[in-house]
Amino acid sequence: MTEQEQRVAIAEACGWAIAHNCKNVDQPEAINVYKPMIIGRSRVGQTIALLPDYCNDLNAMHEAEKVLGEPLCYDYVDRLPQHYEGRTNFALAHATAAQRSEAFLKTLNLWK
């Protein structure tokens, strides 16, 4: 998957509603999206928003990881690469944003 495809897939899994085939020519990383729903307000109209850069931003992946529930979080951790012999907390804590992005999408069966 390309980084853009990963960004869209993760954003959708995190509750972003994305209008496909509506790219902003001036900002290729921007696409038409609805911001995530806020309780008590409805989504009205489309807004140009930059999707988080999940493949390169650990903070963005940290926010995405919050949508994984109890059973999925264990599968997610198992899909993160092992950098050292055995699975250590150090290895898990140092997984890159790209590695986390791939593991996240594979956990949700969204990886193509």
N, C-alpha and C. Protein backbone atom coordinates (compact mmCIF):
# COMPACT_ATOMS: atom_id res chain seq x y z
N MET A 1 0.84 -1.20 0.00
CA MET A 1 0.00 0.00 0.00
C MET A 1 0.87 1.24 0.00
N THR A 2 0.44 2.26 -0.70
CA THR A 2 1.17 3.52 -0.66
C THR A 2 0.89 4.21 0.67
N GLU A 3 1.70 5.19 1.00
CA GLU A 3 1.48 5.93 2.24
C GLU A 3 0.12 6.63 2.22
N GLN A 4 -0.28 7.17 1.07
CA GLN A 4 -1.57 7.85 0.98
C GLN A 4 -2.71 6.86 1.21
N GLU A 5 -2.61 5.67 0.64
CA GLU A 5 -3.64 4.65 0.85
C GLU A 5 -3.71 4.25 2.32
N GLN A 6 -2.55 4.16 2.96
CA GLN A 6 -2.52 3.82 4.38
C GLN A 6 -3.17 4.93 5.21
N ARG A 7 -2.85 6.18 4.87
CA ARG A 7 -3.43 7.31 5.60
C ARG A 7 -4.95 7.30 5.51
N VAL A 8 -5.47 7.06 4.32
CA VAL A 8 -6.92 7.05 4.12
C VAL A 8 -7.55 5.89 4.88
N ALA A 9 -6.96 4.68 4.78
CA ALA A 9 -7.53 3.51 5.45
C ALA A 9 -7.53 3.67 6.97
N ILE A 10 -6.45 4.20 7.53
CA ILE A 10 -6.39 4.39 8.98
C ILE A 10 -7.36 5.48 9.40
N ALA A 11 -7.42 6.56 8.63
CA ALA A 11 -8.34 7.64 8.97
C ALA A 11 -9.78 7.14 8.98
N GLU A 12 -10.15 6.34 7.99
CA GLU A 12 -11.51 5.78 7.96
C GLU A 12 -11.75 4.88 9.16
N ALA A 13 -10.76 4.08 9.54
CA ALA A 13 -10.90 3.21 10.71
C ALA A 13 -11.05 4.01 11.99
N CYS A 14 -10.52 5.24 11.98
CA CYS A 14 -10.59 6.09 13.16
C CYS A 14 -11.81 7.01 13.16
N GLY A 15 -12.69 6.84 12.17
CA GLY A 15 -13.93 7.59 12.17
C GLY A 15 -14.01 8.77 11.22
N TRP A 16 -13.00 8.98 10.41
CA TRP A 16 -13.07 10.04 9.41
C TRP A 16 -13.95 9.55 8.26
N ALA A 17 -14.82 10.37 7.77
CA ALA A 17 -15.61 10.05 6.59
C ALA A 17 -14.95 10.75 5.42
N ILE A 18 -14.50 10.00 4.45
CA ILE A 18 -13.69 10.55 3.37
C ILE A 18 -14.45 10.52 2.06
N ALA A 19 -14.45 11.65 1.38
CA ALA A 19 -15.05 11.75 0.06
C ALA A 19 -13.97 11.39 -0.95
N HIS A 20 -14.03 10.19 -1.47
CA HIS A 20 -12.99 9.72 -2.40
C HIS A 20 -13.11 10.43 -3.74
N ASN A 21 -12.01 10.44 -4.46
CA ASN A 21 -11.92 11.07 -5.78
C ASN A 21 -12.10 12.59 -5.74
N CYS A 22 -11.82 13.20 -4.61
CA CYS A 22 -11.94 14.65 -4.48
C CYS A 22 -10.62 15.19 -3.94
N LYS A 23 -9.60 15.20 -4.76
CA LYS A 23 -8.30 15.65 -4.29
C LYS A 23 -8.13 17.13 -4.50
N ASN A 24 -7.41 17.74 -3.59
CA ASN A 24 -7.08 19.15 -3.69
C ASN A 24 -5.79 19.25 -4.49
N VAL A 25 -5.83 19.85 -5.64
CA VAL A 25 -4.68 19.90 -6.53
C VAL A 25 -3.52 20.68 -5.92
N ASP A 26 -3.82 21.75 -5.18
CA ASP A 26 -2.76 22.57 -4.59
C ASP A 26 -2.05 21.86 -3.45
N GLN A 27 -2.76 20.98 -2.75
CA GLN A 27 -2.17 20.25 -1.65
C GLN A 27 -2.49 18.76 -1.84
N PRO A 28 -1.61 18.00 -2.50
CA PRO A 28 -1.92 16.61 -2.80
C PRO A 28 -2.17 15.76 -1.55
N GLU A 29 -1.62 16.18 -0.40
CA GLU A 29 -1.85 15.40 0.82
C GLU A 29 -3.20 15.72 1.44
N ALA A 30 -3.90 16.73 0.92
CA ALA A 30 -5.21 17.11 1.45
C ALA A 30 -6.29 16.50 0.57
N ILE A 31 -7.26 15.92 1.19
CA ILE A 31 -8.42 15.42 0.46
C ILE A 31 -9.66 15.87 1.21
N ASN A 32 -10.80 15.83 0.55
CA ASN A 32 -12.03 16.26 1.19
C ASN A 32 -12.44 15.24 2.24
N VAL A 33 -12.58 15.68 3.46
CA VAL A 33 -12.99 14.79 4.54
C VAL A 33 -13.96 15.51 5.45
N TYR A 34 -14.74 14.73 6.15
CA TYR A 34 -15.50 15.27 7.27
C TYR A 34 -14.63 15.05 8.49
N LYS A 35 -14.56 16.03 9.34
CA LYS A 35 -13.83 15.81 10.58
C LYS A 35 -14.58 14.80 11.42
N PRO A 36 -13.88 14.08 12.32
CA PRO A 36 -14.56 13.09 13.13
C PRO A 36 -15.75 13.71 13.88
N MET A 37 -16.81 12.93 14.02
CA MET A 37 -18.02 13.45 14.65
C MET A 37 -17.77 13.80 16.11
N ILE A 38 -18.28 14.94 16.51
CA ILE A 38 -18.23 15.36 17.90
C ILE A 38 -19.62 15.11 18.47
N ILE A 39 -19.68 14.46 19.63
CA ILE A 39 -20.97 14.13 20.23
C ILE A 39 -21.76 15.42 20.44
N GLY A 40 -23.01 15.40 20.02
CA GLY A 40 -23.88 16.55 20.19
C GLY A 40 -23.92 17.46 18.97
N ARG A 41 -23.07 17.21 18.00
CA ARG A 41 -23.06 18.00 16.77
C ARG A 41 -23.15 17.06 15.58
N SER A 42 -23.75 17.52 14.54
CA SER A 42 -23.80 16.68 13.35
C SER A 42 -22.80 17.18 12.33
N ARG A 43 -22.45 16.31 11.40
CA ARG A 43 -21.53 16.70 10.33
C ARG A 43 -22.32 17.46 9.29
N VAL A 44 -21.86 18.64 8.99
CA VAL A 44 -22.56 19.45 7.98
C VAL A 44 -21.53 19.89 6.96
N GLY A 45 -21.75 19.50 5.72
CA GLY A 45 -20.85 19.93 4.64
C GLY A 45 -19.50 19.26 4.71
N GLN A 46 -18.70 19.52 3.70
CA GLN A 46 -17.37 18.96 3.66
C GLN A 46 -16.34 20.03 4.00
N THR A 47 -15.27 19.59 4.57
CA THR A 47 -14.18 20.47 4.95
C THR A 47 -12.89 19.90 4.39
N ILE A 48 -12.06 20.75 3.85
CA ILE A 48 -10.73 20.29 3.45
C ILE A 48 -9.90 20.20 4.72
N ALA A 49 -9.36 19.04 4.95
CA ALA A 49 -8.54 18.84 6.15
C ALA A 49 -7.36 17.96 5.77
N LEU A 50 -6.25 18.18 6.43
CA LEU A 50 -5.09 17.34 6.19
C LEU A 50 -5.23 16.08 7.03
N LEU A 51 -5.10 14.93 6.40
CA LEU A 51 -5.13 13.69 7.15
C LEU A 51 -3.84 13.59 7.96
N PRO A 52 -3.92 13.00 9.14
CA PRO A 52 -2.68 12.79 9.90
C PRO A 52 -1.71 11.93 9.09
N ASP A 53 -0.43 12.16 9.28
CA ASP A 53 0.60 11.42 8.57
C ASP A 53 0.96 10.18 9.37
N TYR A 54 0.07 9.20 9.35
CA TYR A 54 0.22 8.01 10.19
C TYR A 54 1.51 7.25 9.95
N CYS A 55 2.02 7.26 8.74
CA CYS A 55 3.22 6.49 8.41
C CYS A 55 4.51 7.11 8.93
N ASN A 56 4.46 8.38 9.29
CA ASN A 56 5.67 9.08 9.72
C ASN A 56 5.54 9.80 11.05
N ASP A 57 4.38 9.76 11.66
CA ASP A 57 4.13 10.52 12.88
C ASP A 57 3.68 9.58 14.00
N LEU A 58 4.55 9.36 14.98
CA LEU A 58 4.22 8.47 16.10
C LEU A 58 3.03 8.98 16.90
N ASN A 59 2.89 10.30 17.00
CA ASN A 59 1.74 10.84 17.74
C ASN A 59 0.43 10.51 17.04
N ALA A 60 0.43 10.56 15.71
CA ALA A 60 -0.77 10.22 14.96
C ALA A 60 -1.10 8.74 15.15
N MET A 61 -0.09 7.88 15.13
CA MET A 61 -0.33 6.45 15.32
C MET A 61 -0.79 6.16 16.76
N HIS A 62 -0.29 6.91 17.70
CA HIS A 62 -0.73 6.73 19.08
C HIS A 62 -2.23 7.00 19.20
N GLU A 63 -2.70 8.03 18.51
CA GLU A 63 -4.13 8.34 18.52
C GLU A 63 -4.92 7.23 17.81
N ALA A 64 -4.38 6.72 16.71
CA ALA A 64 -5.06 5.66 15.97
C ALA A 64 -5.15 4.39 16.81
N GLU A 65 -4.10 4.08 17.55
CA GLU A 65 -4.08 2.87 18.36
C GLU A 65 -5.19 2.85 19.41
N LYS A 66 -5.68 4.01 19.77
CA LYS A 66 -6.73 4.10 20.79
C LYS A 66 -8.04 3.47 20.34
N VAL A 67 -8.25 3.29 19.02
CA VAL A 67 -9.50 2.70 18.55
C VAL A 67 -9.49 1.18 18.66
N LEU A 68 -8.33 0.59 18.90
CA LEU A 68 -8.26 -0.86 19.04
C LEU A 68 -8.75 -1.26 20.43
N GLY A 69 -9.69 -2.16 20.46
CA GLY A 69 -10.23 -2.62 21.73
C GLY A 69 -9.39 -3.73 22.34
N GLU A 70 -9.89 -4.27 23.42
CA GLU A 70 -9.18 -5.31 24.19
C GLU A 70 -8.71 -6.49 23.34
N PRO A 71 -9.57 -7.14 22.56
CA PRO A 71 -9.03 -8.30 21.85
C PRO A 71 -8.09 -7.93 20.72
N LEU A 72 -8.34 -6.81 20.03
CA LEU A 72 -7.52 -6.44 18.88
C LEU A 72 -6.14 -5.92 19.28
N CYS A 73 -6.02 -5.33 20.45
CA CYS A 73 -4.72 -4.75 20.82
C CYS A 73 -3.65 -5.83 20.95
N TYR A 74 -4.04 -7.04 21.36
CA TYR A 74 -3.06 -8.13 21.48
C TYR A 74 -2.61 -8.60 20.10
N ASP A 75 -3.54 -8.68 19.16
CA ASP A 75 -3.20 -9.05 17.79
C ASP A 75 -2.29 -7.99 17.18
N TYR A 76 -2.59 -6.73 17.47
CA TYR A 76 -1.76 -5.62 16.97
C TYR A 76 -0.32 -5.75 17.46
N VAL A 77 -0.15 -5.99 18.75
CA VAL A 77 1.20 -6.12 19.31
C VAL A 77 1.94 -7.29 18.68
N ASP A 78 1.22 -8.39 18.43
CA ASP A 78 1.85 -9.56 17.81
C ASP A 78 2.30 -9.27 16.38
N ARG A 79 1.68 -8.30 15.73
CA ARG A 79 2.04 -7.97 14.35
C ARG A 79 3.19 -6.96 14.26
N LEU A 80 3.55 -6.33 15.37
CA LEU A 80 4.69 -5.42 15.34
C LEU A 80 5.96 -6.25 15.21
N PRO A 81 6.93 -5.76 14.45
CA PRO A 81 8.14 -6.56 14.22
C PRO A 81 8.98 -6.72 15.49
N GLN A 82 9.66 -7.83 15.55
CA GLN A 82 10.59 -8.06 16.65
C GLN A 82 11.96 -7.56 16.23
N HIS A 83 12.48 -6.61 16.95
CA HIS A 83 13.78 -6.05 16.61
C HIS A 83 14.91 -6.76 17.35
N TYR A 84 14.56 -7.41 18.42
CA TYR A 84 15.55 -8.08 19.26
C TYR A 84 15.10 -9.51 19.49
N GLU A 85 15.99 -10.34 19.99
CA GLU A 85 15.62 -11.72 20.29
C GLU A 85 14.51 -11.72 21.33
N GLY A 86 13.44 -12.36 21.01
CA GLY A 86 12.29 -12.36 21.91
C GLY A 86 11.55 -11.04 21.80
N ARG A 87 10.39 -10.98 22.33
CA ARG A 87 9.59 -9.75 22.29
C ARG A 87 9.82 -9.01 23.60
N THR A 88 10.48 -7.89 23.52
CA THR A 88 10.75 -7.10 24.71
C THR A 88 9.96 -5.81 24.66
N ASN A 89 9.73 -5.23 25.81
CA ASN A 89 9.04 -3.94 25.86
C ASN A 89 9.83 -2.88 25.11
N PHE A 90 11.16 -2.95 25.17
CA PHE A 90 12.00 -1.98 24.48
C PHE A 90 11.76 -2.05 22.97
N ALA A 91 11.70 -3.27 22.44
CA ALA A 91 11.48 -3.44 21.00
C ALA A 91 10.11 -2.91 20.59
N LEU A 92 9.10 -3.19 21.39
CA LEU A 92 7.75 -2.72 21.08
C LEU A 92 7.66 -1.21 21.17
N ALA A 93 8.31 -0.65 22.15
CA ALA A 93 8.25 0.80 22.35
C ALA A 93 8.96 1.55 21.24
N HIS A 94 9.87 0.90 20.55
CA HIS A 94 10.65 1.58 19.52
C HIS A 94 10.22 1.23 18.10
N ALA A 95 9.05 0.65 17.93
CA ALA A 95 8.54 0.40 16.58
C ALA A 95 8.28 1.75 15.92
N THR A 96 8.62 1.86 14.66
CA THR A 96 8.45 3.12 13.94
C THR A 96 6.99 3.34 13.60
N ALA A 97 6.67 4.56 13.21
CA ALA A 97 5.30 4.88 12.80
C ALA A 97 4.89 4.03 11.60
N ALA A 98 5.80 3.82 10.66
CA ALA A 98 5.50 3.01 9.48
C ALA A 98 5.20 1.56 9.88
N GLN A 99 5.97 1.02 10.82
CA GLN A 99 5.74 -0.35 11.28
C GLN A 99 4.40 -0.44 12.01
N ARG A 100 4.08 0.57 12.79
CA ARG A 100 2.81 0.59 13.52
C ARG A 100 1.64 0.73 12.54
N SER A 101 1.81 1.55 11.52
CA SER A 101 0.77 1.73 10.51
C SER A 101 0.44 0.41 9.83
N GLU A 102 1.47 -0.31 9.41
CA GLU A 102 1.26 -1.59 8.74
C GLU A 102 0.61 -2.60 9.69
N ALA A 103 1.09 -2.68 10.92
CA ALA A 103 0.52 -3.61 11.90
C ALA A 103 -0.94 -3.27 12.19
N PHE A 104 -1.25 -1.98 12.28
CA PHE A 104 -2.62 -1.53 12.54
C PHE A 104 -3.55 -1.99 11.42
N LEU A 105 -3.14 -1.76 10.19
CA LEU A 105 -3.98 -2.13 9.05
C LEU A 105 -4.12 -3.64 8.91
N LYS A 106 -3.06 -4.39 9.19
CA LYS A 106 -3.13 -5.85 9.12
C LYS A 106 -4.03 -6.39 10.23
N THR A 107 -4.00 -5.76 11.39
CA THR A 107 -4.86 -6.18 12.50
C THR A 107 -6.33 -6.05 12.13
N LEU A 108 -6.67 -4.99 11.41
CA LEU A 108 -8.06 -4.75 11.01
C LEU A 108 -8.39 -5.34 9.64
N ASN A 109 -7.48 -6.14 9.10
CA ASN A 109 -7.65 -6.76 7.78
C ASN A 109 -7.91 -5.73 6.68
N LEU A 110 -7.19 -4.62 6.76
CA LEU A 110 -7.33 -3.56 5.77
C LEU A 110 -6.10 -3.44 4.87
N TRP A 111 -5.07 -4.22 5.16
CA TRP A 111 -3.82 -4.16 4.38
C TRP A 111 -4.04 -4.81 3.03
N LYS A 112 -3.61 -4.11 1.96
CA LYS A 112 -3.75 -4.64 0.61
C LYS A 112 -2.38 -4.92 0.03
